Amino acid sequence: MAGVHERNGSWRVLFNLRGKKHAFTLGRVTEAEARSKADQVAYLLMRIGQAWRRSRRASPWSRT
């Protein structure tokens, strides 16, 4: 999941990856652009999670 935060006219994208909080600044963009970028980040996080789970299942050392 990813979200956006606006402060003083500048937007940031906030997200969690493997239990740690991360953020990056978009700068002075419209709210629609900020939300669009957050949607892209959420999609990438979903794909990272899928790849991580797939690699854990494929590993001969995994316990699943």
N, C-alpha and C. Protein backbone atom coordinates (compact mmCIF):
# COMPACT_ATOMS: atom_id res chain seq x y z
N MET A 1 0.84 -1.17 0.00
CA MET A 1 0.00 0.00 0.00
C MET A 1 0.89 1.24 0.00
N ALA A 2 0.47 2.25 -0.71
CA ALA A 2 1.19 3.52 -0.77
C ALA A 2 0.20 4.66 -0.63
N GLY A 3 0.66 5.71 -0.02
CA GLY A 3 -0.19 6.88 0.16
C GLY A 3 0.56 8.14 -0.20
N VAL A 4 -0.16 9.25 -0.20
CA VAL A 4 0.46 10.53 -0.51
C VAL A 4 0.24 11.50 0.65
N HIS A 5 1.14 12.44 0.75
CA HIS A 5 1.07 13.46 1.79
C HIS A 5 1.48 14.79 1.18
N GLU A 6 0.70 15.83 1.45
CA GLU A 6 1.00 17.16 0.91
C GLU A 6 1.40 18.08 2.05
N ARG A 7 2.49 18.84 1.83
CA ARG A 7 2.91 19.82 2.82
C ARG A 7 3.54 21.00 2.08
N ASN A 8 3.01 22.16 2.33
CA ASN A 8 3.49 23.40 1.70
C ASN A 8 3.52 23.32 0.18
N GLY A 9 2.54 22.66 -0.41
CA GLY A 9 2.44 22.57 -1.86
C GLY A 9 3.29 21.51 -2.51
N SER A 10 4.04 20.74 -1.71
CA SER A 10 4.91 19.68 -2.23
C SER A 10 4.34 18.32 -1.80
N TRP A 11 4.37 17.37 -2.70
CA TRP A 11 3.79 16.05 -2.43
C TRP A 11 4.88 15.00 -2.19
N ARG A 12 4.58 14.06 -1.28
CA ARG A 12 5.46 12.92 -1.01
C ARG A 12 4.66 11.64 -1.13
N VAL A 13 5.32 10.56 -1.57
CA VAL A 13 4.71 9.23 -1.60
C VAL A 13 5.29 8.46 -0.42
N LEU A 14 4.41 7.88 0.39
CA LEU A 14 4.79 7.12 1.58
C LEU A 14 4.41 5.66 1.37
N PHE A 15 5.30 4.73 1.76
CA PHE A 15 5.00 3.31 1.62
C PHE A 15 5.84 2.50 2.59
N ASN A 16 5.41 1.26 2.83
CA ASN A 16 6.15 0.32 3.68
C ASN A 16 6.70 -0.78 2.80
N LEU A 17 7.95 -1.15 3.05
CA LEU A 17 8.57 -2.25 2.33
C LEU A 17 9.30 -3.11 3.35
N ARG A 18 8.82 -4.34 3.49
CA ARG A 18 9.41 -5.31 4.43
C ARG A 18 9.54 -4.75 5.83
N GLY A 19 8.47 -4.09 6.29
CA GLY A 19 8.41 -3.61 7.66
C GLY A 19 9.06 -2.26 7.92
N LYS A 20 9.61 -1.62 6.91
CA LYS A 20 10.24 -0.32 7.10
C LYS A 20 9.48 0.74 6.31
N LYS A 21 9.37 1.93 6.91
CA LYS A 21 8.69 3.04 6.24
C LYS A 21 9.66 3.73 5.30
N HIS A 22 9.17 4.07 4.12
CA HIS A 22 9.96 4.78 3.12
C HIS A 22 9.12 5.89 2.53
N ALA A 23 9.79 6.89 1.98
CA ALA A 23 9.09 7.99 1.33
C ALA A 23 10.02 8.61 0.29
N PHE A 24 9.41 9.20 -0.72
CA PHE A 24 10.18 10.00 -1.66
C PHE A 24 9.34 11.20 -2.07
N THR A 25 10.02 12.28 -2.38
CA THR A 25 9.37 13.54 -2.70
C THR A 25 9.10 13.64 -4.20
N LEU A 26 7.89 14.06 -4.51
CA LEU A 26 7.53 14.31 -5.91
C LEU A 26 7.71 15.79 -6.25
N GLY A 27 7.60 16.63 -5.28
CA GLY A 27 7.71 18.07 -5.52
C GLY A 27 6.35 18.69 -5.76
N ARG A 28 6.36 19.80 -6.46
CA ARG A 28 5.11 20.54 -6.71
C ARG A 28 4.41 19.98 -7.95
N VAL A 29 3.55 19.00 -7.70
CA VAL A 29 2.75 18.39 -8.76
C VAL A 29 1.29 18.46 -8.33
N THR A 30 0.39 18.11 -9.22
CA THR A 30 -1.02 18.10 -8.85
C THR A 30 -1.32 16.88 -7.97
N GLU A 31 -2.43 16.96 -7.26
CA GLU A 31 -2.83 15.83 -6.42
C GLU A 31 -3.07 14.58 -7.28
N ALA A 32 -3.65 14.77 -8.46
CA ALA A 32 -3.91 13.63 -9.35
C ALA A 32 -2.61 12.95 -9.76
N GLU A 33 -1.57 13.74 -10.06
CA GLU A 33 -0.28 13.16 -10.42
C GLU A 33 0.33 12.40 -9.24
N ALA A 34 0.21 12.97 -8.05
CA ALA A 34 0.74 12.33 -6.85
C ALA A 34 0.04 10.99 -6.59
N ARG A 35 -1.28 10.99 -6.71
CA ARG A 35 -2.02 9.75 -6.48
C ARG A 35 -1.71 8.71 -7.56
N SER A 36 -1.51 9.16 -8.78
CA SER A 36 -1.14 8.25 -9.86
C SER A 36 0.21 7.58 -9.56
N LYS A 37 1.17 8.34 -9.08
CA LYS A 37 2.48 7.79 -8.74
C LYS A 37 2.36 6.83 -7.56
N ALA A 38 1.51 7.15 -6.59
CA ALA A 38 1.29 6.25 -5.45
C ALA A 38 0.67 4.93 -5.92
N ASP A 39 -0.22 5.00 -6.89
CA ASP A 39 -0.80 3.77 -7.46
C ASP A 39 0.27 2.93 -8.13
N GLN A 40 1.19 3.57 -8.85
CA GLN A 40 2.29 2.84 -9.48
C GLN A 40 3.18 2.17 -8.44
N VAL A 41 3.46 2.88 -7.36
CA VAL A 41 4.28 2.32 -6.28
C VAL A 41 3.56 1.13 -5.64
N ALA A 42 2.27 1.25 -5.40
CA ALA A 42 1.50 0.15 -4.82
C ALA A 42 1.55 -1.08 -5.73
N TYR A 43 1.45 -0.87 -7.03
CA TYR A 43 1.52 -1.98 -7.98
C TYR A 43 2.91 -2.65 -7.91
N LEU A 44 3.97 -1.85 -7.90
CA LEU A 44 5.32 -2.41 -7.80
C LEU A 44 5.53 -3.17 -6.50
N LEU A 45 5.00 -2.65 -5.40
CA LEU A 45 5.12 -3.35 -4.12
C LEU A 45 4.39 -4.69 -4.16
N MET A 46 3.23 -4.73 -4.82
CA MET A 46 2.49 -5.98 -4.96
C MET A 46 3.32 -6.98 -5.76
N ARG A 47 3.95 -6.53 -6.86
CA ARG A 47 4.76 -7.43 -7.68
C ARG A 47 6.01 -7.90 -6.94
N ILE A 48 6.61 -7.02 -6.16
CA ILE A 48 7.77 -7.41 -5.34
C ILE A 48 7.36 -8.49 -4.35
N GLY A 49 6.20 -8.32 -3.72
CA GLY A 49 5.70 -9.31 -2.77
C GLY A 49 5.44 -10.65 -3.45
N GLN A 50 4.89 -10.63 -4.65
CA GLN A 50 4.65 -11.87 -5.38
C GLN A 50 5.96 -12.58 -5.71
N ALA A 51 6.94 -11.83 -6.17
CA ALA A 51 8.23 -12.42 -6.53
C ALA A 51 8.92 -12.98 -5.30
N TRP A 52 8.83 -12.27 -4.18
CA TRP A 52 9.46 -12.72 -2.94
C TRP A 52 8.83 -14.03 -2.46
N ARG A 53 7.49 -14.10 -2.51
CA ARG A 53 6.81 -15.33 -2.08
C ARG A 53 7.13 -16.48 -3.03
N ARG A 54 7.19 -16.20 -4.33
CA ARG A 54 7.49 -17.24 -5.31
C ARG A 54 8.91 -17.77 -5.09
N SER A 55 9.86 -16.89 -4.83
CA SER A 55 11.24 -17.33 -4.63
C SER A 55 11.37 -18.13 -3.34
N ARG A 56 10.58 -17.80 -2.31
CA ARG A 56 10.61 -18.57 -1.06
C ARG A 56 10.09 -19.99 -1.30
N ARG A 57 9.04 -20.13 -2.13
CA ARG A 57 8.50 -21.46 -2.41
C ARG A 57 9.48 -22.27 -3.24
N ALA A 58 10.20 -21.63 -4.13
CA ALA A 58 11.12 -22.33 -5.02
C ALA A 58 12.42 -22.71 -4.35
N SER A 59 12.72 -22.09 -3.22
CA SER A 59 13.98 -22.33 -2.54
C SER A 59 13.99 -23.72 -1.88
N PRO A 60 15.06 -24.48 -2.07
CA PRO A 60 15.13 -25.79 -1.42
C PRO A 60 15.29 -25.68 0.10
N TRP A 61 15.63 -24.49 0.59
CA TRP A 61 15.82 -24.30 2.03
C TRP A 61 14.58 -23.78 2.72
N SER A 62 13.54 -23.50 1.97
CA SER A 62 12.33 -22.96 2.61
C SER A 62 11.60 -24.07 3.34
N ARG A 63 10.85 -23.69 4.34
CA ARG A 63 10.13 -24.66 5.18
C ARG A 63 8.69 -24.86 4.74
N THR A 64 8.27 -24.19 3.67
CA THR A 64 6.86 -24.31 3.26
C THR A 64 6.61 -25.50 2.39
